[in-house]
Each structure stands twice: as structure tokens, then as C-alpha cells.
Amino acid sequence: LVEMVNRVKTCLKYRPIYTPTTTTTTNAAGQQQQQPYYAEVMMIEEAIATVIRLLAGALAMGGEGEEGREGGGLDREVLVENGLVGVILALLRQEGGQADGSIPPMDAAAAAAAAAATAREGRKAQLIRVLGNLCHRCRSAQDEVRREEGGLALVLNHCNVDSSNPFLREWALFCVRNLCEDNGENQRVVGERHVQGAVQTSMLKEVGLEARLVERGGEG
């Protein structure tokens, strides 16, 4: 598993480097058109997706064990020491997650890699799942998320519904629970968060709805 983490680090390092080629596609009108095809980006996305799935499965296996170690013998402390927390948070940020609540468009390279869309499907939910299981009764993982700039806020920002990431909200709530279990400092940081406003998403605009905050007990 440590080798898997190191491989993802390598993928992240070389992710911006790609050589574009073109592929012919047919649009809705039946016309053929040339589109950029980033083979290297697709390969990297597939590799990252595979590693995430393996990590998710490994961390989900095993029963109760000593702090930082699953019952099956998986030492999560070693994974934390080798930078898994930082890798997960970096991947979440690259998927568009921000600590301030905004969801910016993906970078140009990722947006152009249409062939990699399948590999990215459900990635945020998988990443949050891995992080939540990593932090289960593992104090070093809990503290590392807090020490990473905007780490706790980034996790909290994923407590919402995302049609391309089934159960994202549920996994995020599970992750917050594990981050705060028996960790007073994380509880304090989360407790100090305050509602700043309602986010008007493009989906709400399309159906003619407006998000707004109301006083408790008021009409909404």
C-alpha cells in the first residue's frame, strides 16, 4: 500500500505533462469533428482510480484493532507517515473541491481529457471514503488532516449531494465523525465554523429556484 501511495505521488507530479493527439467523434447532427485526445492524461487517471479503489478496499477490510491499526494487520500509521493524507486532499482539490465552499471549473488538461471521464466518475466519494476509514481511531491521521491547510474545511465542503458522486454526502459525514472522534482539537475547529451564506448553484438557476438563508423557525 505504501508503494501505491508513492505511485500516486508520481502520477500527481507528472499529471500536467501530456502530449495531445486528436480523435474523430460524431456530434448530434451526425457531423464528424476532431477533438483533442490526451492519452497520457487518461492513463494517469486510470492509474489513480485503480489505486484509490485498492486503498478503499484495504482500509474497509479488517475489524476492530489497536489505535492506528486494523484488525487485519493494516498499519495506517505507516500510510500517514508516507503522505497518504496529503495525497487525498491534493486529489480532492484537483477534483474541484475548495475549503471556501466554491466549486471552480476543472483545469484545462483535465477538462480536455474527455476519455478519462469514466475513470473520474465517483472519485470524490471514493477519496472521502478512503480518508474517513484512514482516520477511524487513528489520531495521527486525524491531526494530519487538521494540519493540512484547509483540510477540515475541505472535508466539510463535501457534505452535499453530487449526482456524479453517489453517497458523497454520507461518506463526508462519516469522515467528519471519524475526524472528530476523541479529538478535542478537531471538534473545536469544526465547532467554530459558521454559516456565511447560501450558495446559488447553476442547477438551481436552471430550474428557477433561489437559495437563501432564513432565521430558524422562519419560512423558507
C-alpha atoms as a PDB file:
ATOM      1  CA  LEU A   1       0.000   0.000   0.000  1.00  0.00           C
ATOM      2  CA  VAL A   2       2.884   2.359   0.691  1.00  0.00           C
ATOM      3  CA  GLU A   3       4.144   1.698  -2.836  1.00  0.00           C
ATOM      4  CA  MET A   4       0.660   2.544  -4.160  1.00  0.00           C
ATOM      5  CA  VAL A   5       0.753   5.882  -2.337  1.00  0.00           C
ATOM      6  CA  ASN A   6       4.165   6.633  -3.833  1.00  0.00           C
ATOM      7  CA  ARG A   7       2.889   5.768  -7.302  1.00  0.00           C
ATOM      8  CA  VAL A   8       0.009   8.219  -6.924  1.00  0.00           C
ATOM      9  CA  LYS A   9       2.511  10.890  -5.849  1.00  0.00           C
ATOM     10  CA  THR A  10       4.427  10.218  -9.066  1.00  0.00           C
ATOM     11  CA  CYS A  11       1.218  10.458 -11.091  1.00  0.00           C
ATOM     12  CA  LEU A  12       0.396  13.810  -9.490  1.00  0.00           C
ATOM     13  CA  LYS A  13       3.913  15.058 -10.215  1.00  0.00           C
ATOM     14  CA  TYR A  14       3.689  14.308 -13.936  1.00  0.00           C
ATOM     15  CA  ARG A  15      -0.029  14.914 -14.371  1.00  0.00           C
ATOM     16  CA  PRO A  16       0.402  18.342 -16.039  1.00  0.00           C
ATOM     17  CA  ILE A  17       2.718  16.840 -18.686  1.00  0.00           C
ATOM     18  CA  TYR A  18       0.786  15.481 -21.639  1.00  0.00           C
ATOM     19  CA  THR A  19       1.063  15.166 -25.419  1.00  0.00           C
ATOM     20  CA  PRO A  20      -2.177  15.969 -27.258  1.00  0.00           C
ATOM     21  CA  THR A  21      -3.344  13.951 -30.226  1.00  0.00           C
ATOM     22  CA  THR A  22      -6.710  14.059 -31.959  1.00  0.00           C
ATOM     23  CA  THR A  23      -9.617  11.679 -32.292  1.00  0.00           C
ATOM     24  CA  THR A  24     -12.639  11.818 -34.592  1.00  0.00           C
ATOM     25  CA  THR A  25     -16.072  11.992 -32.994  1.00  0.00           C
ATOM     26  CA  THR A  26     -19.594  12.436 -34.334  1.00  0.00           C
ATOM     27  CA  ASN A  27     -21.814  15.169 -32.914  1.00  0.00           C
ATOM     28  CA  ALA A  28     -25.598  15.147 -32.517  1.00  0.00           C
ATOM     29  CA  ALA A  29     -26.061  16.429 -36.080  1.00  0.00           C
ATOM     30  CA  GLY A  30     -24.114  13.497 -37.481  1.00  0.00           C
ATOM     31  CA  GLN A  31     -21.105  15.635 -38.379  1.00  0.00           C
ATOM     32  CA  GLN A  32     -17.600  14.378 -37.738  1.00  0.00           C
ATOM     33  CA  GLN A  33     -15.214  16.583 -35.812  1.00  0.00           C
ATOM     34  CA  GLN A  34     -11.715  16.413 -34.423  1.00  0.00           C
ATOM     35  CA  GLN A  35     -11.276  16.590 -30.663  1.00  0.00           C
ATOM     36  CA  PRO A  36      -8.099  16.597 -28.564  1.00  0.00           C
ATOM     37  CA  TYR A  37      -7.289  13.235 -27.016  1.00  0.00           C
ATOM     38  CA  TYR A  38      -4.820  13.170 -24.141  1.00  0.00           C
ATOM     39  CA  ALA A  39      -3.622   9.569 -23.914  1.00  0.00           C
ATOM     40  CA  GLU A  40      -1.174  10.267 -21.075  1.00  0.00           C
ATOM     41  CA  VAL A  41      -3.849  12.021 -19.021  1.00  0.00           C
ATOM     42  CA  MET A  42      -6.231   9.088 -19.495  1.00  0.00           C
ATOM     43  CA  MET A  43      -3.580   6.596 -18.409  1.00  0.00           C
ATOM     44  CA  ILE A  44      -2.795   8.633 -15.301  1.00  0.00           C
ATOM     45  CA  GLU A  45      -6.477   8.962 -14.413  1.00  0.00           C
ATOM     46  CA  GLU A  46      -6.985   5.211 -14.785  1.00  0.00           C
ATOM     47  CA  ALA A  47      -3.936   4.502 -12.615  1.00  0.00           C
ATOM     48  CA  ILE A  48      -5.099   6.880  -9.884  1.00  0.00           C
ATOM     49  CA  ALA A  49      -8.635   5.412  -9.972  1.00  0.00           C
ATOM     50  CA  THR A  50      -7.261   1.879  -9.599  1.00  0.00           C
ATOM     51  CA  VAL A  51      -5.069   2.812  -6.627  1.00  0.00           C
ATOM     52  CA  ILE A  52      -7.962   4.620  -4.919  1.00  0.00           C
ATOM     53  CA  ARG A  53     -10.200   1.557  -5.274  1.00  0.00           C
ATOM     54  CA  LEU A  54      -7.492  -0.732  -3.857  1.00  0.00           C
ATOM     55  CA  LEU A  55      -6.861   1.600  -0.919  1.00  0.00           C
ATOM     56  CA  ALA A  56     -10.595   1.901  -0.245  1.00  0.00           C
ATOM     57  CA  GLY A  57     -10.965  -1.870  -0.164  1.00  0.00           C
ATOM     58  CA  ALA A  58      -7.896  -2.431   2.012  1.00  0.00           C
ATOM     59  CA  LEU A  59      -8.908   0.213   4.561  1.00  0.00           C
ATOM     60  CA  ALA A  60     -12.501  -1.044   4.693  1.00  0.00           C
ATOM     61  CA  MET A  61     -11.371  -4.603   5.490  1.00  0.00           C
ATOM     62  CA  GLY A  62     -10.400  -5.736   8.960  1.00  0.00           C
ATOM     63  CA  GLY A  63     -12.271  -5.353  12.185  1.00  0.00           C
ATOM     64  CA  GLU A  64     -11.522  -3.551  15.390  1.00  0.00           C
ATOM     65  CA  GLY A  65      -7.878  -3.328  16.297  1.00  0.00           C
ATOM     66  CA  GLU A  66      -5.490  -1.216  18.281  1.00  0.00           C
ATOM     67  CA  GLU A  67      -5.340   2.517  17.581  1.00  0.00           C
ATOM     68  CA  GLY A  68      -3.899   3.159  14.126  1.00  0.00           C
ATOM     69  CA  ARG A  69      -4.095  -0.483  13.096  1.00  0.00           C
ATOM     70  CA  GLU A  70      -6.937  -2.504  11.586  1.00  0.00           C
ATOM     71  CA  GLY A  71      -7.787  -5.907  12.992  1.00  0.00           C
ATOM     72  CA  GLY A  72      -6.405  -7.485   9.824  1.00  0.00           C
ATOM     73  CA  GLY A  73      -2.967  -6.021  10.480  1.00  0.00           C
ATOM     74  CA  LEU A  74      -3.081  -2.886   8.292  1.00  0.00           C
ATOM     75  CA  ASP A  75      -0.893  -0.234   9.917  1.00  0.00           C
ATOM     76  CA  ARG A  76      -2.486   3.092   8.990  1.00  0.00           C
ATOM     77  CA  GLU A  77       0.228   4.997  10.846  1.00  0.00           C
ATOM     78  CA  VAL A  78       2.681   3.946   8.122  1.00  0.00           C
ATOM     79  CA  LEU A  79       0.333   5.211   5.417  1.00  0.00           C
ATOM     80  CA  VAL A  80       0.022   8.547   7.229  1.00  0.00           C
ATOM     81  CA  GLU A  81       3.798   8.808   7.588  1.00  0.00           C
ATOM     82  CA  ASN A  82       4.160   8.236   3.842  1.00  0.00           C
ATOM     83  CA  GLY A  83       1.854  11.117   2.980  1.00  0.00           C
ATOM     84  CA  LEU A  84      -1.487   9.480   2.179  1.00  0.00           C
ATOM     85  CA  VAL A  85      -3.470  12.285   3.835  1.00  0.00           C
ATOM     86  CA  GLY A  86      -1.756  14.937   1.721  1.00  0.00           C
ATOM     87  CA  VAL A  87      -2.281  12.881  -1.445  1.00  0.00           C
ATOM     88  CA  ILE A  88      -6.018  12.507  -0.784  1.00  0.00           C
ATOM     89  CA  LEU A  89      -6.503  16.203  -0.055  1.00  0.00           C
ATOM     90  CA  ALA A  90      -4.488  17.150  -3.154  1.00  0.00           C
ATOM     91  CA  LEU A  91      -6.673  14.897  -5.311  1.00  0.00           C
ATOM     92  CA  LEU A  92      -9.837  16.367  -3.786  1.00  0.00           C
ATOM     93  CA  ARG A  93      -8.635  19.874  -4.630  1.00  0.00           C
ATOM     94  CA  GLN A  94      -7.859  18.806  -8.185  1.00  0.00           C
ATOM     95  CA  GLU A  95     -11.418  17.468  -8.448  1.00  0.00           C
ATOM     96  CA  GLY A  96     -12.688  20.988  -7.775  1.00  0.00           C
ATOM     97  CA  GLY A  97     -13.111  20.879  -4.001  1.00  0.00           C
ATOM     98  CA  GLN A  98     -12.269  24.095  -2.157  1.00  0.00           C
ATOM     99  CA  ALA A  99     -12.123  24.997   1.524  1.00  0.00           C
ATOM    100  CA  ASP A 100     -14.120  28.196   0.923  1.00  0.00           C
ATOM    101  CA  GLY A 101     -17.180  26.391  -0.414  1.00  0.00           C
ATOM    102  CA  SER A 102     -16.709  27.328  -4.075  1.00  0.00           C
ATOM    103  CA  ILE A 103     -16.553  24.754  -6.856  1.00  0.00           C
ATOM    104  CA  PRO A 104     -14.308  26.116  -9.643  1.00  0.00           C
ATOM    105  CA  PRO A 105     -14.095  24.600 -13.136  1.00  0.00           C
ATOM    106  CA  MET A 106     -11.544  21.817 -13.604  1.00  0.00           C
ATOM    107  CA  ASP A 107      -8.132  22.685 -15.011  1.00  0.00           C
ATOM    108  CA  ALA A 108      -7.767  22.777 -18.782  1.00  0.00           C
ATOM    109  CA  ALA A 109      -5.872  19.498 -19.028  1.00  0.00           C
ATOM    110  CA  ALA A 110      -8.471  17.567 -17.069  1.00  0.00           C
ATOM    111  CA  ALA A 111     -11.379  19.226 -18.850  1.00  0.00           C
ATOM    112  CA  ALA A 112      -9.897  18.340 -22.234  1.00  0.00           C
ATOM    113  CA  ALA A 113      -9.409  14.703 -21.280  1.00  0.00           C
ATOM    114  CA  ALA A 114     -12.946  13.591 -22.100  1.00  0.00           C
ATOM    115  CA  ALA A 115     -11.795   9.997 -22.431  1.00  0.00           C
ATOM    116  CA  ALA A 116     -10.836   9.986 -18.756  1.00  0.00           C
ATOM    117  CA  ALA A 117     -14.340  10.922 -17.582  1.00  0.00           C
ATOM    118  CA  THR A 118     -15.253   7.330 -16.688  1.00  0.00           C
ATOM    119  CA  ALA A 119     -12.153   6.968 -14.524  1.00  0.00           C
ATOM    120  CA  ARG A 120     -13.101  10.130 -12.616  1.00  0.00           C
ATOM    121  CA  GLU A 121     -16.725   9.126 -12.038  1.00  0.00           C
ATOM    122  CA  GLY A 122     -17.391   8.904  -8.322  1.00  0.00           C
ATOM    123  CA  ARG A 123     -13.814   9.817  -7.436  1.00  0.00           C
ATOM    124  CA  LYS A 124     -14.642  12.412  -4.785  1.00  0.00           C
ATOM    125  CA  ALA A 125     -16.843   9.946  -2.916  1.00  0.00           C
ATOM    126  CA  GLN A 126     -14.105   7.305  -3.081  1.00  0.00           C
ATOM    127  CA  LEU A 127     -11.472   9.743  -1.820  1.00  0.00           C
ATOM    128  CA  ILE A 128     -13.648  10.844   1.106  1.00  0.00           C
ATOM    129  CA  ARG A 129     -14.349   7.184   1.863  1.00  0.00           C
ATOM    130  CA  VAL A 130     -10.616   6.395   1.968  1.00  0.00           C
ATOM    131  CA  LEU A 131      -9.938   9.397   4.203  1.00  0.00           C
ATOM    132  CA  GLY A 132     -12.779   8.504   6.569  1.00  0.00           C
ATOM    133  CA  ASN A 133     -11.579   4.928   7.004  1.00  0.00           C
ATOM    134  CA  LEU A 134      -7.978   6.099   7.367  1.00  0.00           C
ATOM    135  CA  CYS A 135      -8.989   8.421  10.229  1.00  0.00           C
ATOM    136  CA  HIS A 136     -11.006   5.814  12.117  1.00  0.00           C
ATOM    137  CA  ARG A 137      -9.456   5.810  15.616  1.00  0.00           C
ATOM    138  CA  CYS A 138      -6.130   6.901  14.125  1.00  0.00           C
ATOM    139  CA  ARG A 139      -5.036  10.069  15.914  1.00  0.00           C
ATOM    140  CA  SER A 140      -2.105  10.792  13.584  1.00  0.00           C
ATOM    141  CA  ALA A 141      -4.419  10.783  10.537  1.00  0.00           C
ATOM    142  CA  GLN A 142      -6.972  12.983  12.326  1.00  0.00           C
ATOM    143  CA  ASP A 143      -4.299  15.506  13.277  1.00  0.00           C
ATOM    144  CA  GLU A 144      -2.677  15.447   9.836  1.00  0.00           C
ATOM    145  CA  VAL A 145      -5.949  16.476   8.159  1.00  0.00           C
ATOM    146  CA  ARG A 146      -6.190  19.436  10.553  1.00  0.00           C
ATOM    147  CA  ARG A 147      -2.550  20.420   9.984  1.00  0.00           C
ATOM    148  CA  GLU A 148      -3.006  20.424   6.213  1.00  0.00           C
ATOM    149  CA  GLU A 149      -4.086  23.938   5.195  1.00  0.00           C
ATOM    150  CA  GLY A 150      -7.863  23.968   4.876  1.00  0.00           C
ATOM    151  CA  GLY A 151      -8.048  20.196   5.368  1.00  0.00           C
ATOM    152  CA  LEU A 152     -11.022  20.053   7.728  1.00  0.00           C
ATOM    153  CA  ALA A 153     -12.885  22.751   5.794  1.00  0.00           C
ATOM    154  CA  LEU A 154     -12.300  20.828   2.572  1.00  0.00           C
ATOM    155  CA  VAL A 155     -13.923  17.714   4.036  1.00  0.00           C
ATOM    156  CA  LEU A 156     -16.868  19.712   5.398  1.00  0.00           C
ATOM    157  CA  ASN A 157     -17.394  21.236   1.962  1.00  0.00           C
ATOM    158  CA  HIS A 158     -18.182  17.773   0.586  1.00  0.00           C
ATOM    159  CA  CYS A 159     -21.196  17.256   2.876  1.00  0.00           C
ATOM    160  CA  ASN A 160     -23.554  17.841  -0.044  1.00  0.00           C
ATOM    161  CA  VAL A 161     -25.312  15.923  -2.787  1.00  0.00           C
ATOM    162  CA  ASP A 162     -23.443  15.335  -6.057  1.00  0.00           C
ATOM    163  CA  SER A 163     -25.141  13.397  -8.852  1.00  0.00           C
ATOM    164  CA  SER A 164     -21.801  12.180 -10.243  1.00  0.00           C
ATOM    165  CA  ASN A 165     -20.643  11.023  -6.799  1.00  0.00           C
ATOM    166  CA  PRO A 166     -23.295   8.793  -5.210  1.00  0.00           C
ATOM    167  CA  PHE A 167     -23.294   8.822  -1.383  1.00  0.00           C
ATOM    168  CA  LEU A 168     -20.736  11.662  -1.280  1.00  0.00           C
ATOM    169  CA  ARG A 169     -22.668  13.414   1.496  1.00  0.00           C
ATOM    170  CA  GLU A 170     -22.948  10.230   3.559  1.00  0.00           C
ATOM    171  CA  TRP A 171     -19.241   9.407   3.225  1.00  0.00           C
ATOM    172  CA  ALA A 172     -18.336  13.010   4.106  1.00  0.00           C
ATOM    173  CA  LEU A 173     -20.455  12.904   7.278  1.00  0.00           C
ATOM    174  CA  PHE A 174     -18.860   9.562   8.153  1.00  0.00           C
ATOM    175  CA  CYS A 175     -15.438  11.130   7.606  1.00  0.00           C
ATOM    176  CA  VAL A 176     -16.242  14.127   9.820  1.00  0.00           C
ATOM    177  CA  ARG A 177     -17.421  11.751  12.531  1.00  0.00           C
ATOM    178  CA  ASN A 178     -14.139   9.814  12.419  1.00  0.00           C
ATOM    179  CA  LEU A 179     -12.081  13.010  12.296  1.00  0.00           C
ATOM    180  CA  CYS A 180     -13.720  14.288  15.468  1.00  0.00           C
ATOM    181  CA  GLU A 181     -13.937  11.075  17.490  1.00  0.00           C
ATOM    182  CA  ASP A 182     -11.942  11.534  20.721  1.00  0.00           C
ATOM    183  CA  ASN A 183     -10.150  14.519  19.146  1.00  0.00           C
ATOM    184  CA  GLY A 184     -10.932  17.703  21.050  1.00  0.00           C
ATOM    185  CA  GLU A 185      -8.918  19.981  18.763  1.00  0.00           C
ATOM    186  CA  ASN A 186     -10.716  18.819  15.624  1.00  0.00           C
ATOM    187  CA  GLN A 187     -14.053  19.168  17.441  1.00  0.00           C
ATOM    188  CA  ARG A 188     -13.122  22.742  18.358  1.00  0.00           C
ATOM    189  CA  VAL A 189     -12.155  23.659  14.775  1.00  0.00           C
ATOM    190  CA  VAL A 190     -15.345  22.165  13.335  1.00  0.00           C
ATOM    191  CA  GLY A 191     -17.460  23.791  16.060  1.00  0.00           C
ATOM    192  CA  GLU A 192     -16.056  27.234  15.217  1.00  0.00           C
ATOM    193  CA  ARG A 193     -17.336  27.051  11.642  1.00  0.00           C
ATOM    194  CA  HIS A 194     -20.251  29.386  10.971  1.00  0.00           C
ATOM    195  CA  VAL A 195     -22.773  29.616   8.162  1.00  0.00           C
ATOM    196  CA  GLN A 196     -21.767  32.501   5.886  1.00  0.00           C
ATOM    197  CA  GLY A 197     -24.409  32.294   3.188  1.00  0.00           C
ATOM    198  CA  ALA A 198     -26.340  30.186   0.740  1.00  0.00           C
ATOM    199  CA  VAL A 199     -24.687  29.061  -2.497  1.00  0.00           C
ATOM    200  CA  GLN A 200     -26.681  29.704  -5.651  1.00  0.00           C
ATOM    201  CA  THR A 201     -25.710  26.814  -7.924  1.00  0.00           C
ATOM    202  CA  SER A 202     -26.158  26.629 -11.688  1.00  0.00           C
ATOM    203  CA  MET A 203     -28.613  23.746 -11.210  1.00  0.00           C
ATOM    204  CA  LEU A 204     -30.862  25.912  -9.032  1.00  0.00           C
ATOM    205  CA  LYS A 205     -30.710  28.723 -11.577  1.00  0.00           C
ATOM    206  CA  GLU A 206     -31.734  26.366 -14.370  1.00  0.00           C
ATOM    207  CA  VAL A 207     -34.956  25.384 -12.581  1.00  0.00           C
ATOM    208  CA  GLY A 208     -35.680  28.938 -11.459  1.00  0.00           C
ATOM    209  CA  LEU A 209     -35.004  28.468  -7.751  1.00  0.00           C
ATOM    210  CA  GLU A 210     -33.063  30.706  -5.399  1.00  0.00           C
ATOM    211  CA  ALA A 211     -31.130  29.523  -2.347  1.00  0.00           C
ATOM    212  CA  ARG A 212     -31.393  31.749   0.705  1.00  0.00           C
ATOM    213  CA  LEU A 213     -30.930  31.555   4.441  1.00  0.00           C
ATOM    214  CA  VAL A 214     -33.793  32.161   6.832  1.00  0.00           C
ATOM    215  CA  GLU A 215     -33.958  32.573  10.569  1.00  0.00           C
ATOM    216  CA  ARG A 216     -34.661  29.379  12.485  1.00  0.00           C
ATOM    217  CA  GLY A 217     -38.378  28.948  12.778  1.00  0.00           C
ATOM    218  CA  GLY A 218     -38.979  31.255   9.830  1.00  0.00           C
ATOM    219  CA  GLU A 219     -40.474  30.444   6.479  1.00  0.00           C
ATOM    220  CA  GLY A 220     -38.252  29.014   3.717  1.00  0.00           C
END
